């Protein structure tokens, strides 16, 4: 991938990409997406158990 940076999984929010004038650069590798989704599930399971939603 040409793009680099961080993904803040504990700070998920909705972003208006048009308002921020974002430009699509590239698609992330499927392996990376799978890893991120697994981590997101883990974070939200812990939050749900703590807050008992």
N, C-alpha and C. Protein backbone atom coordinates (compact mmCIF):
# COMPACT_ATOMS: atom_id res chain seq x y z
N UNK A 1 0.83 -1.18 0.00
CA UNK A 1 0.00 0.00 0.00
C UNK A 1 0.88 1.25 0.00
N UNK A 2 0.41 2.26 -0.68
CA UNK A 2 1.11 3.54 -0.70
C UNK A 2 0.72 4.40 0.50
N UNK A 3 -0.49 4.20 1.00
CA UNK A 3 -1.00 5.00 2.10
C UNK A 3 -0.48 4.47 3.43
N UNK A 4 -0.14 5.36 4.35
CA UNK A 4 0.29 4.94 5.68
C UNK A 4 -0.44 5.78 6.72
N UNK A 5 -0.46 5.28 7.94
CA UNK A 5 -1.11 6.02 9.01
C UNK A 5 -1.60 5.10 10.09
N UNK A 6 -2.51 5.60 10.88
CA UNK A 6 -3.05 4.86 12.02
C UNK A 6 -4.57 4.75 11.90
N UNK A 7 -5.11 3.70 12.50
CA UNK A 7 -6.55 3.51 12.60
C UNK A 7 -6.88 3.54 14.08
N UNK A 8 -7.71 4.50 14.50
CA UNK A 8 -8.09 4.63 15.91
C UNK A 8 -9.38 3.86 16.14
N UNK A 9 -9.25 2.59 16.48
CA UNK A 9 -10.41 1.71 16.60
C UNK A 9 -11.30 2.04 17.79
N UNK A 10 -10.75 2.68 18.79
CA UNK A 10 -11.56 3.01 19.96
C UNK A 10 -12.24 4.37 19.82
N UNK A 11 -12.06 5.01 18.67
CA UNK A 11 -12.64 6.33 18.43
C UNK A 11 -13.43 6.35 17.12
N UNK A 12 -14.22 5.30 16.90
CA UNK A 12 -15.00 5.21 15.68
C UNK A 12 -16.06 6.30 15.64
N UNK A 13 -16.23 6.91 14.49
CA UNK A 13 -17.21 7.97 14.32
C UNK A 13 -17.59 8.05 12.85
N UNK A 14 -18.68 8.70 12.58
CA UNK A 14 -19.09 8.91 11.20
C UNK A 14 -18.43 10.18 10.68
N UNK A 15 -17.89 10.11 9.49
CA UNK A 15 -17.22 11.26 8.89
C UNK A 15 -17.90 11.60 7.57
N UNK A 16 -18.17 12.86 7.36
CA UNK A 16 -18.74 13.32 6.10
C UNK A 16 -17.58 13.58 5.14
N UNK A 17 -17.30 12.58 4.30
CA UNK A 17 -16.15 12.67 3.41
C UNK A 17 -16.30 13.79 2.38
N UNK A 18 -17.51 14.06 1.94
CA UNK A 18 -17.73 15.14 0.98
C UNK A 18 -17.45 16.49 1.62
N UNK A 19 -17.94 16.71 2.84
CA UNK A 19 -17.72 17.98 3.53
C UNK A 19 -16.23 18.22 3.79
N UNK A 20 -15.51 17.14 4.03
CA UNK A 20 -14.06 17.26 4.27
C UNK A 20 -13.26 17.23 2.98
N UNK A 21 -13.94 17.09 1.87
CA UNK A 21 -13.33 17.06 0.53
C UNK A 21 -12.24 15.99 0.43
N UNK A 22 -12.57 14.80 0.93
CA UNK A 22 -11.65 13.67 0.86
C UNK A 22 -11.58 13.12 -0.55
N UNK A 23 -10.45 12.51 -0.86
CA UNK A 23 -10.23 11.90 -2.17
C UNK A 23 -9.85 10.44 -1.95
N UNK A 24 -10.52 9.52 -2.66
CA UNK A 24 -10.20 8.09 -2.57
C UNK A 24 -8.81 7.86 -3.15
N UNK A 25 -7.96 7.16 -2.40
CA UNK A 25 -6.60 6.89 -2.86
C UNK A 25 -6.39 5.44 -3.27
N UNK A 26 -6.82 4.50 -2.43
CA UNK A 26 -6.61 3.09 -2.73
C UNK A 26 -7.43 2.22 -1.80
N UNK A 27 -7.55 0.96 -2.16
CA UNK A 27 -8.27 -0.02 -1.36
C UNK A 27 -7.28 -0.74 -0.45
N UNK A 28 -7.66 -0.92 0.81
CA UNK A 28 -6.81 -1.66 1.75
C UNK A 28 -6.85 -3.15 1.42
N UNK A 29 -5.77 -3.82 1.74
CA UNK A 29 -5.69 -5.26 1.51
C UNK A 29 -6.73 -5.97 2.37
N UNK A 30 -7.29 -7.04 1.84
CA UNK A 30 -8.34 -7.79 2.55
C UNK A 30 -7.84 -8.29 3.91
N UNK A 31 -6.59 -8.71 3.97
CA UNK A 31 -6.02 -9.19 5.23
C UNK A 31 -6.04 -8.08 6.30
N UNK A 32 -5.72 -6.86 5.92
CA UNK A 32 -5.74 -5.73 6.85
C UNK A 32 -7.16 -5.44 7.32
N UNK A 33 -8.12 -5.45 6.40
CA UNK A 33 -9.52 -5.20 6.75
C UNK A 33 -10.01 -6.27 7.73
N UNK A 34 -9.69 -7.53 7.46
CA UNK A 34 -10.10 -8.62 8.36
C UNK A 34 -9.50 -8.44 9.76
N UNK A 35 -8.23 -8.05 9.82
CA UNK A 35 -7.57 -7.83 11.11
C UNK A 35 -8.23 -6.68 11.88
N UNK A 36 -8.55 -5.59 11.18
CA UNK A 36 -9.20 -4.45 11.82
C UNK A 36 -10.60 -4.79 12.32
N UNK A 37 -11.36 -5.53 11.52
CA UNK A 37 -12.71 -5.92 11.93
C UNK A 37 -12.68 -6.81 13.16
N UNK A 38 -11.71 -7.71 13.23
CA UNK A 38 -11.56 -8.57 14.41
C UNK A 38 -11.27 -7.72 15.65
N UNK A 39 -10.41 -6.73 15.51
CA UNK A 39 -10.08 -5.86 16.64
C UNK A 39 -11.27 -5.00 17.05
N UNK A 40 -12.04 -4.51 16.08
CA UNK A 40 -13.23 -3.71 16.38
C UNK A 40 -14.23 -4.54 17.17
N UNK A 41 -14.45 -5.77 16.75
CA UNK A 41 -15.37 -6.65 17.47
C UNK A 41 -14.90 -6.85 18.91
N UNK A 42 -13.61 -7.04 19.10
CA UNK A 42 -13.05 -7.24 20.44
C UNK A 42 -13.27 -6.00 21.30
N UNK A 43 -13.00 -4.82 20.76
CA UNK A 43 -13.19 -3.57 21.50
C UNK A 43 -14.64 -3.42 21.92
N UNK A 44 -15.58 -3.63 21.00
CA UNK A 44 -16.98 -3.44 21.32
C UNK A 44 -17.52 -4.51 22.25
N UNK A 45 -17.00 -5.72 22.19
CA UNK A 45 -17.42 -6.76 23.14
C UNK A 45 -17.00 -6.37 24.55
N UNK A 46 -15.80 -5.82 24.69
CA UNK A 46 -15.33 -5.39 26.01
C UNK A 46 -16.16 -4.22 26.52
N UNK A 47 -16.50 -3.28 25.65
CA UNK A 47 -17.32 -2.13 26.05
C UNK A 47 -18.70 -2.61 26.47
N UNK A 48 -19.29 -3.51 25.70
CA UNK A 48 -20.62 -4.02 26.03
C UNK A 48 -20.63 -4.76 27.36
N UNK A 49 -19.60 -5.52 27.64
CA UNK A 49 -19.53 -6.25 28.92
C UNK A 49 -19.36 -5.28 30.08
N UNK A 50 -18.60 -4.22 29.87
CA UNK A 50 -18.36 -3.23 30.92
C UNK A 50 -19.61 -2.40 31.19
N UNK A 51 -20.27 -1.95 30.13
CA UNK A 51 -21.44 -1.09 30.26
C UNK A 51 -22.75 -1.86 30.35
N UNK A 52 -22.70 -3.15 30.10
CA UNK A 52 -23.87 -4.04 30.15
C UNK A 52 -25.03 -3.51 29.31
N UNK A 53 -24.71 -3.20 28.04
CA UNK A 53 -25.76 -2.77 27.10
C UNK A 53 -26.55 -3.94 26.63
